[in-house]
Amino acid sequence: MTTCEHVGELPRPEPEPMTPQGCQECLAEGTRWVHLRLCLSCGHVGCCDSSPRRHASRHFASSGHPVIRSFEPGETWRWCFVDELIV
């Protein structure tokens, strides 16, 4: 995997998920998601771009927090929105 400067700026340890039971906005709206993503800057849990509401991408657009990781069991990949890289 490639790294980017944003990975080095992430808090250690990783933030706790704000809503470990699912996408924060979908839970509030009563909508569904496909897969979940965890913001590695603040712990926001949002739904993926395959989900109807795309809350993880919306969170990046509003917060500028660059790196997410999969919040799916058994997956450990991370994505940098700024560099458009798996990191």
PDB file of N, CA and C in Angstrom:
ATOM      1  N   MET A   1       0.830  -1.191   0.000  1.00  0.00           N
ATOM      2  CA  MET A   1       0.000   0.000   0.000  1.00  0.00           C
ATOM      3  C   MET A   1       0.872   1.251   0.000  1.00  0.00           C
ATOM      4  N   THR A   2       0.354   2.280  -0.579  1.00  0.00           N
ATOM      5  CA  THR A   2       1.045   3.557  -0.631  1.00  0.00           C
ATOM      6  C   THR A   2       0.661   4.375   0.591  1.00  0.00           C
ATOM      7  N   THR A   3       1.551   5.242   1.022  1.00  0.00           N
ATOM      8  CA  THR A   3       1.223   6.133   2.125  1.00  0.00           C
ATOM      9  C   THR A   3       1.132   7.562   1.614  1.00  0.00           C
ATOM     10  N   CYS A   4       0.522   8.402   2.417  1.00  0.00           N
ATOM     11  CA  CYS A   4       0.413   9.810   2.081  1.00  0.00           C
ATOM     12  C   CYS A   4       0.702  10.605   3.346  1.00  0.00           C
ATOM     13  N   GLU A   5       0.902  11.901   3.216  1.00  0.00           N
ATOM     14  CA  GLU A   5       1.222  12.739   4.372  1.00  0.00           C
ATOM     15  C   GLU A   5       0.100  12.760   5.405  1.00  0.00           C
ATOM     16  N   HIS A   6      -1.119  12.521   4.986  1.00  0.00           N
ATOM     17  CA  HIS A   6      -2.259  12.602   5.896  1.00  0.00           C
ATOM     18  C   HIS A   6      -2.272  11.475   6.922  1.00  0.00           C
ATOM     19  N   VAL A   7      -1.721  10.321   6.562  1.00  0.00           N
ATOM     20  CA  VAL A   7      -1.670   9.197   7.497  1.00  0.00           C
ATOM     21  C   VAL A   7      -0.822   9.560   8.715  1.00  0.00           C
ATOM     22  N   GLY A   8       0.271  10.241   8.503  1.00  0.00           N
ATOM     23  CA  GLY A   8       1.147  10.644   9.602  1.00  0.00           C
ATOM     24  C   GLY A   8       0.525  11.668  10.533  1.00  0.00           C
ATOM     25  N   GLU A   9      -0.521  12.329  10.085  1.00  0.00           N
ATOM     26  CA  GLU A   9      -1.190  13.353  10.894  1.00  0.00           C
ATOM     27  C   GLU A   9      -2.367  12.799  11.698  1.00  0.00           C
ATOM     28  N   LEU A  10      -2.668  11.521  11.560  1.00  0.00           N
ATOM     29  CA  LEU A  10      -3.817  10.932  12.239  1.00  0.00           C
ATOM     30  C   LEU A  10      -3.556  10.790  13.737  1.00  0.00           C
ATOM     31  N   PRO A  11      -4.592  10.937  14.557  1.00  0.00           N
ATOM     32  CA  PRO A  11      -4.414  10.774  15.997  1.00  0.00           C
ATOM     33  C   PRO A  11      -4.087   9.323  16.342  1.00  0.00           C
ATOM     34  N   ARG A  12      -3.298   9.169  17.379  1.00  0.00           N
ATOM     35  CA  ARG A  12      -2.966   7.842  17.921  1.00  0.00           C
ATOM     36  C   ARG A  12      -3.359   7.843  19.379  1.00  0.00           C
ATOM     37  N   PRO A  13      -4.071   6.876  19.893  1.00  0.00           N
ATOM     38  CA  PRO A  13      -4.651   5.770  19.148  1.00  0.00           C
ATOM     39  C   PRO A  13      -5.799   6.235  18.262  1.00  0.00           C
ATOM     40  N   GLU A  14      -6.264   5.325  17.435  1.00  0.00           N
ATOM     41  CA  GLU A  14      -7.397   5.599  16.550  1.00  0.00           C
ATOM     42  C   GLU A  14      -8.616   6.017  17.389  1.00  0.00           C
ATOM     43  N   PRO A  15      -9.386   6.998  16.925  1.00  0.00           N
ATOM     44  CA  PRO A  15     -10.561   7.422  17.703  1.00  0.00           C
ATOM     45  C   PRO A  15     -11.616   6.325  17.802  1.00  0.00           C
ATOM     46  N   GLU A  16     -12.332   6.322  18.895  1.00  0.00           N
ATOM     47  CA  GLU A  16     -13.437   5.382  19.079  1.00  0.00           C
ATOM     48  C   GLU A  16     -14.586   5.766  18.152  1.00  0.00           C
ATOM     49  N   PRO A  17     -15.292   4.794  17.588  1.00  0.00           N
ATOM     50  CA  PRO A  17     -16.449   5.104  16.732  1.00  0.00           C
ATOM     51  C   PRO A  17     -17.540   5.816  17.532  1.00  0.00           C
ATOM     52  N   MET A  18     -18.064   6.906  16.986  1.00  0.00           N
ATOM     53  CA  MET A  18     -19.138   7.655  17.652  1.00  0.00           C
ATOM     54  C   MET A  18     -20.426   6.837  17.721  1.00  0.00           C
ATOM     55  N   THR A  19     -20.720   6.105  16.658  1.00  0.00           N
ATOM     56  CA  THR A  19     -21.922   5.269  16.600  1.00  0.00           C
ATOM     57  C   THR A  19     -21.524   3.885  16.102  1.00  0.00           C
ATOM     58  N   PRO A  20     -21.006   3.029  16.972  1.00  0.00           N
ATOM     59  CA  PRO A  20     -20.537   1.719  16.529  1.00  0.00           C
ATOM     60  C   PRO A  20     -21.640   0.835  15.951  1.00  0.00           C
ATOM     61  N   GLN A  21     -22.888   1.183  16.199  1.00  0.00           N
ATOM     62  CA  GLN A  21     -24.001   0.380  15.684  1.00  0.00           C
ATOM     63  C   GLN A  21     -24.336   0.692  14.228  1.00  0.00           C
ATOM     64  N   GLY A  22     -23.772   1.770  13.644  1.00  0.00           N
ATOM     65  CA  GLY A  22     -24.025   2.062  12.234  1.00  0.00           C
ATOM     66  C   GLY A  22     -23.755   3.500  11.867  1.00  0.00           C
ATOM     67  N   CYS A  23     -24.138   3.856  10.644  1.00  0.00           N
ATOM     68  CA  CYS A  23     -23.945   5.206  10.109  1.00  0.00           C
ATOM     69  C   CYS A  23     -24.718   6.214  10.970  1.00  0.00           C
ATOM     70  N   GLN A  24     -24.009   7.201  11.454  1.00  0.00           N
ATOM     71  CA  GLN A  24     -24.590   8.198  12.354  1.00  0.00           C
ATOM     72  C   GLN A  24     -25.822   8.871  11.754  1.00  0.00           C
ATOM     73  N   GLU A  25     -25.707   9.347  10.535  1.00  0.00           N
ATOM     74  CA  GLU A  25     -26.818  10.056   9.898  1.00  0.00           C
ATOM     75  C   GLU A  25     -27.948   9.116   9.500  1.00  0.00           C
ATOM     76  N   CYS A  26     -27.616   7.932   8.982  1.00  0.00           N
ATOM     77  CA  CYS A  26     -28.660   6.975   8.598  1.00  0.00           C
ATOM     78  C   CYS A  26     -29.467   6.537   9.821  1.00  0.00           C
ATOM     79  N   LEU A  27     -28.797   6.341  10.934  1.00  0.00           N
ATOM     80  CA  LEU A  27     -29.516   5.980  12.151  1.00  0.00           C
ATOM     81  C   LEU A  27     -30.488   7.088  12.541  1.00  0.00           C
ATOM     82  N   ALA A  28     -30.044   8.339  12.451  1.00  0.00           N
ATOM     83  CA  ALA A  28     -30.898   9.482  12.805  1.00  0.00           C
ATOM     84  C   ALA A  28     -32.054   9.651  11.819  1.00  0.00           C
ATOM     85  N   GLU A  29     -31.802   9.367  10.532  1.00  0.00           N
ATOM     86  CA  GLU A  29     -32.810   9.552   9.479  1.00  0.00           C
ATOM     87  C   GLU A  29     -33.720   8.338   9.307  1.00  0.00           C
ATOM     88  N   GLY A  30     -33.299   7.201   9.830  1.00  0.00           N
ATOM     89  CA  GLY A  30     -34.058   5.971   9.611  1.00  0.00           C
ATOM     90  C   GLY A  30     -33.852   5.392   8.227  1.00  0.00           C
ATOM     91  N   THR A  31     -32.681   5.686   7.616  1.00  0.00           N
ATOM     92  CA  THR A  31     -32.369   5.164   6.287  1.00  0.00           C
ATOM     93  C   THR A  31     -31.374   4.015   6.400  1.00  0.00           C
ATOM     94  N   ARG A  32     -31.116   3.345   5.277  1.00  0.00           N
ATOM     95  CA  ARG A  32     -30.243   2.166   5.248  1.00  0.00           C
ATOM     96  C   ARG A  32     -28.909   2.489   4.595  1.00  0.00           C
ATOM     97  N   TRP A  33     -27.935   1.652   4.888  1.00  0.00           N
ATOM     98  CA  TRP A  33     -26.608   1.775   4.292  1.00  0.00           C
ATOM     99  C   TRP A  33     -26.189   0.435   3.725  1.00  0.00           C
ATOM    100  N   VAL A  34     -25.125   0.459   2.894  1.00  0.00           N
ATOM    101  CA  VAL A  34     -24.559  -0.764   2.317  1.00  0.00           C
ATOM    102  C   VAL A  34     -23.347  -1.206   3.137  1.00  0.00           C
ATOM    103  N   HIS A  35     -22.333  -0.340   3.236  1.00  0.00           N
ATOM    104  CA  HIS A  35     -21.121  -0.610   4.006  1.00  0.00           C
ATOM    105  C   HIS A  35     -20.791   0.627   4.830  1.00  0.00           C
ATOM    106  N   LEU A  36     -19.996   0.424   5.873  1.00  0.00           N
ATOM    107  CA  LEU A  36     -19.666   1.525   6.784  1.00  0.00           C
ATOM    108  C   LEU A  36     -18.201   1.904   6.691  1.00  0.00           C
ATOM    109  N   ARG A  37     -17.928   3.184   6.943  1.00  0.00           N
ATOM    110  CA  ARG A  37     -16.579   3.735   6.955  1.00  0.00           C
ATOM    111  C   ARG A  37     -16.379   4.521   8.248  1.00  0.00           C
ATOM    112  N   LEU A  38     -15.164   4.468   8.805  1.00  0.00           N
ATOM    113  CA  LEU A  38     -14.817   5.167  10.033  1.00  0.00           C
ATOM    114  C   LEU A  38     -13.837   6.285   9.723  1.00  0.00           C
ATOM    115  N   CYS A  39     -14.169   7.508  10.122  1.00  0.00           N
ATOM    116  CA  CYS A  39     -13.253   8.637   9.970  1.00  0.00           C
ATOM    117  C   CYS A  39     -12.135   8.477  10.992  1.00  0.00           C
ATOM    118  N   LEU A  40     -10.896   8.465  10.533  1.00  0.00           N
ATOM    119  CA  LEU A  40      -9.768   8.261  11.421  1.00  0.00           C
ATOM    120  C   LEU A  40      -9.294   9.548  12.084  1.00  0.00           C
ATOM    121  N   SER A  41      -9.959  10.668  11.808  1.00  0.00           N
ATOM    122  CA  SER A  41      -9.663  11.917  12.510  1.00  0.00           C
ATOM    123  C   SER A  41     -10.540  12.078  13.741  1.00  0.00           C
ATOM    124  N   CYS A  42     -11.829  11.711  13.629  1.00  0.00           N
ATOM    125  CA  CYS A  42     -12.759  12.025  14.720  1.00  0.00           C
ATOM    126  C   CYS A  42     -13.635  10.866  15.177  1.00  0.00           C
ATOM    127  N   GLY A  43     -13.684   9.758  14.441  1.00  0.00           N
ATOM    128  CA  GLY A  43     -14.509   8.629  14.844  1.00  0.00           C
ATOM    129  C   GLY A  43     -15.917   8.632  14.263  1.00  0.00           C
ATOM    130  N   HIS A  44     -16.210   9.543  13.355  1.00  0.00           N
ATOM    131  CA  HIS A  44     -17.521   9.556  12.693  1.00  0.00           C
ATOM    132  C   HIS A  44     -17.700   8.263  11.902  1.00  0.00           C
ATOM    133  N   VAL A  45     -18.850   7.634  12.030  1.00  0.00           N
ATOM    134  CA  VAL A  45     -19.175   6.441  11.241  1.00  0.00           C
ATOM    135  C   VAL A  45     -20.170   6.868  10.174  1.00  0.00           C
ATOM    136  N   GLY A  46     -19.792   6.675   8.911  1.00  0.00           N
ATOM    137  CA  GLY A  46     -20.647   7.055   7.789  1.00  0.00           C
ATOM    138  C   GLY A  46     -20.783   5.915   6.803  1.00  0.00           C
ATOM    139  N   CYS A  47     -21.775   6.009   5.950  1.00  0.00           N
ATOM    140  CA  CYS A  47     -22.005   4.973   4.948  1.00  0.00           C
ATOM    141  C   CYS A  47     -21.170   5.245   3.693  1.00  0.00           C
ATOM    142  N   CYS A  48     -20.900   4.172   2.951  1.00  0.00           N
ATOM    143  CA  CYS A  48     -20.031   4.229   1.777  1.00  0.00           C
ATOM    144  C   CYS A  48     -20.716   4.873   0.574  1.00  0.00           C
ATOM    145  N   ASP A  49     -19.958   5.067  -0.478  1.00  0.00           N
ATOM    146  CA  ASP A  49     -20.495   5.675  -1.702  1.00  0.00           C
ATOM    147  C   ASP A  49     -21.447   4.754  -2.465  1.00  0.00           C
ATOM    148  N   SER A  50     -21.507   3.484  -2.124  1.00  0.00           N
ATOM    149  CA  SER A  50     -22.505   2.588  -2.709  1.00  0.00           C
ATOM    150  C   SER A  50     -23.842   2.707  -1.991  1.00  0.00           C
ATOM    151  N   SER A  51     -23.842   3.363  -0.858  1.00  0.00           N
ATOM    152  CA  SER A  51     -25.068   3.596  -0.091  1.00  0.00           C
ATOM    153  C   SER A  51     -25.796   4.802  -0.678  1.00  0.00           C
ATOM    154  N   PRO A  52     -27.124   4.847  -0.565  1.00  0.00           N
ATOM    155  CA  PRO A  52     -27.882   5.943  -1.174  1.00  0.00           C
ATOM    156  C   PRO A  52     -27.470   7.345  -0.702  1.00  0.00           C
ATOM    157  N   ARG A  53     -27.108   7.503   0.574  1.00  0.00           N
ATOM    158  CA  ARG A  53     -26.852   8.843   1.122  1.00  0.00           C
ATOM    159  C   ARG A  53     -25.373   9.233   1.167  1.00  0.00           C
ATOM    160  N   ARG A  54     -24.449   8.290   1.009  1.00  0.00           N
ATOM    161  CA  ARG A  54     -23.002   8.564   0.908  1.00  0.00           C
ATOM    162  C   ARG A  54     -22.487   9.455   2.042  1.00  0.00           C
ATOM    163  N   HIS A  55     -22.825   9.127   3.286  1.00  0.00           N
ATOM    164  CA  HIS A  55     -22.490   9.993   4.410  1.00  0.00           C
ATOM    165  C   HIS A  55     -20.996  10.084   4.724  1.00  0.00           C
ATOM    166  N   ALA A  56     -20.201   9.062   4.434  1.00  0.00           N
ATOM    167  CA  ALA A  56     -18.756   9.158   4.672  1.00  0.00           C
ATOM    168  C   ALA A  56     -18.142  10.230   3.774  1.00  0.00           C
ATOM    169  N   SER A  57     -18.515  10.259   2.508  1.00  0.00           N
ATOM    170  CA  SER A  57     -18.006  11.289   1.592  1.00  0.00           C
ATOM    171  C   SER A  57     -18.532  12.668   1.972  1.00  0.00           C
ATOM    172  N   ARG A  58     -19.767  12.732   2.397  1.00  0.00           N
ATOM    173  CA  ARG A  58     -20.330  14.019   2.848  1.00  0.00           C
ATOM    174  C   ARG A  58     -19.595  14.539   4.078  1.00  0.00           C
ATOM    175  N   HIS A  59     -19.227  13.612   4.971  1.00  0.00           N
ATOM    176  CA  HIS A  59     -18.466  14.015   6.164  1.00  0.00           C
ATOM    177  C   HIS A  59     -17.121  14.608   5.747  1.00  0.00           C
ATOM    178  N   PHE A  60     -16.428  13.965   4.808  1.00  0.00           N
ATOM    179  CA  PHE A  60     -15.163  14.523   4.320  1.00  0.00           C
ATOM    180  C   PHE A  60     -15.387  15.911   3.720  1.00  0.00           C
ATOM    181  N   ALA A  61     -16.418  16.072   2.907  1.00  0.00           N
ATOM    182  CA  ALA A  61     -16.681  17.362   2.255  1.00  0.00           C
ATOM    183  C   ALA A  61     -16.941  18.469   3.276  1.00  0.00           C
ATOM    184  N   SER A  62     -17.601  18.133   4.365  1.00  0.00           N
ATOM    185  CA  SER A  62     -17.919  19.175   5.349  1.00  0.00           C
ATOM    186  C   SER A  62     -16.824  19.377   6.392  1.00  0.00           C
ATOM    187  N   SER A  63     -16.058  18.334   6.695  1.00  0.00           N
ATOM    188  CA  SER A  63     -15.061  18.431   7.768  1.00  0.00           C
ATOM    189  C   SER A  63     -13.633  18.588   7.262  1.00  0.00           C
ATOM    190  N   GLY A  64     -13.352  18.054   6.065  1.00  0.00           N
ATOM    191  CA  GLY A  64     -11.991  18.049   5.561  1.00  0.00           C
ATOM    192  C   GLY A  64     -11.135  16.943   6.149  1.00  0.00           C
ATOM    193  N   HIS A  65     -11.720  16.065   6.959  1.00  0.00           N
ATOM    194  CA  HIS A  65     -10.963  14.944   7.526  1.00  0.00           C
ATOM    195  C   HIS A  65     -10.621  13.974   6.402  1.00  0.00           C
ATOM    196  N   PRO A  66      -9.331  13.771   6.133  1.00  0.00           N
ATOM    197  CA  PRO A  66      -8.941  13.116   4.888  1.00  0.00           C
ATOM    198  C   PRO A  66      -8.997  11.594   4.831  1.00  0.00           C
ATOM    199  N   VAL A  67      -8.802  10.889   5.950  1.00  0.00           N
ATOM    200  CA  VAL A  67      -8.605   9.442   5.871  1.00  0.00           C
ATOM    201  C   VAL A  67      -9.717   8.692   6.605  1.00  0.00           C
ATOM    202  N   ILE A  68     -10.264   7.687   5.912  1.00  0.00           N
ATOM    203  CA  ILE A  68     -11.248   6.784   6.506  1.00  0.00           C
ATOM    204  C   ILE A  68     -10.693   5.371   6.438  1.00  0.00           C
ATOM    205  N   ARG A  69     -11.293   4.491   7.200  1.00  0.00           N
ATOM    206  CA  ARG A  69     -11.002   3.069   7.022  1.00  0.00           C
ATOM    207  C   ARG A  69     -12.329   2.338   6.952  1.00  0.00           C
ATOM    208  N   SER A  70     -12.265   1.145   6.388  1.00  0.00           N
ATOM    209  CA  SER A  70     -13.463   0.322   6.356  1.00  0.00           C
ATOM    210  C   SER A  70     -13.876   0.019   7.793  1.00  0.00           C
ATOM    211  N   PHE A  71     -15.160   0.053   8.055  1.00  0.00           N
ATOM    212  CA  PHE A  71     -15.700  -0.300   9.364  1.00  0.00           C
ATOM    213  C   PHE A  71     -16.494  -1.595   9.238  1.00  0.00           C
ATOM    214  N   GLU A  72     -16.051  -2.433   8.296  1.00  0.00           N
ATOM    215  CA  GLU A  72     -16.662  -3.739   8.069  1.00  0.00           C
ATOM    216  C   GLU A  72     -15.798  -4.814   8.719  1.00  0.00           C
ATOM    217  N   PRO A  73     -16.408  -5.831   9.320  1.00  0.00           N
ATOM    218  CA  PRO A  73     -15.639  -6.906   9.957  1.00  0.00           C
ATOM    219  C   PRO A  73     -14.652  -7.554   8.985  1.00  0.00           C
ATOM    220  N   GLY A  74     -13.414  -7.710   9.443  1.00  0.00           N
ATOM    221  CA  GLY A  74     -12.385  -8.376   8.652  1.00  0.00           C
ATOM    222  C   GLY A  74     -11.692  -7.505   7.625  1.00  0.00           C
ATOM    223  N   GLU A  75     -12.107  -6.242   7.475  1.00  0.00           N
ATOM    224  CA  GLU A  75     -11.468  -5.338   6.502  1.00  0.00           C
ATOM    225  C   GLU A  75     -10.635  -4.299   7.244  1.00  0.00           C
ATOM    226  N   THR A  76      -9.431  -4.032   6.729  1.00  0.00           N
ATOM    227  CA  THR A  76      -8.526  -3.084   7.391  1.00  0.00           C
ATOM    228  C   THR A  76      -8.027  -1.976   6.471  1.00  0.00           C
ATOM    229  N   TRP A  77      -8.500  -1.926   5.232  1.00  0.00           N
ATOM    230  CA  TRP A  77      -7.985  -0.929   4.290  1.00  0.00           C
ATOM    231  C   TRP A  77      -8.397   0.487   4.702  1.00  0.00           C
ATOM    232  N   ARG A  78      -7.576   1.449   4.280  1.00  0.00           N
ATOM    233  CA  ARG A  78      -7.834   2.870   4.537  1.00  0.00           C
ATOM    234  C   ARG A  78      -7.818   3.618   3.205  1.00  0.00           C
ATOM    235  N   TRP A  79      -8.566   4.729   3.141  1.00  0.00           N
ATOM    236  CA  TRP A  79      -8.674   5.542   1.932  1.00  0.00           C
ATOM    237  C   TRP A  79      -8.421   6.991   2.286  1.00  0.00           C
ATOM    238  N   CYS A  80      -7.578   7.650   1.506  1.00  0.00           N
ATOM    239  CA  CYS A  80      -7.353   9.087   1.655  1.00  0.00           C
ATOM    240  C   CYS A  80      -8.163   9.793   0.556  1.00  0.00           C
ATOM    241  N   PHE A  81      -9.143  10.588   0.981  1.00  0.00           N
ATOM    242  CA  PHE A  81      -9.956  11.335   0.022  1.00  0.00           C
ATOM    243  C   PHE A  81      -9.126  12.377  -0.739  1.00  0.00           C
ATOM    244  N   VAL A  82      -8.196  13.014  -0.051  1.00  0.00           N
ATOM    245  CA  VAL A  82      -7.403  14.089  -0.659  1.00  0.00           C
ATOM    246  C   VAL A  82      -6.503  13.538  -1.765  1.00  0.00           C
ATOM    247  N   ASP A  83      -5.745  12.501  -1.455  1.00  0.00           N
ATOM    248  CA  ASP A  83      -4.798  11.934  -2.408  1.00  0.00           C
ATOM    249  C   ASP A  83      -5.421  10.859  -3.305  1.00  0.00           C
ATOM    250  N   GLU A  84      -6.674  10.473  -3.002  1.00  0.00           N
ATOM    251  CA  GLU A  84      -7.371   9.426  -3.738  1.00  0.00           C
ATOM    252  C   GLU A  84      -6.519   8.159  -3.832  1.00  0.00           C
ATOM    253  N   LEU A  85      -6.081   7.704  -2.649  1.00  0.00           N
ATOM    254  CA  LEU A  85      -5.208   6.524  -2.549  1.00  0.00           C
ATOM    255  C   LEU A  85      -5.699   5.596  -1.456  1.00  0.00           C
ATOM    256  N   ILE A  86      -5.521   4.308  -1.672  1.00  0.00           N
ATOM    257  CA  ILE A  86      -5.637   3.353  -0.585  1.00  0.00           C
ATOM    258  C   ILE A  86      -4.312   3.421   0.164  1.00  0.00           C
ATOM    259  N   VAL A  87      -4.390   3.690   1.449  1.00  0.00           N
ATOM    260  CA  VAL A  87      -3.165   3.911   2.241  1.00  0.00           C
ATOM    261  C   VAL A  87      -3.060   2.938   3.403  1.00  0.00           C
TER     262      VAL A  87
END
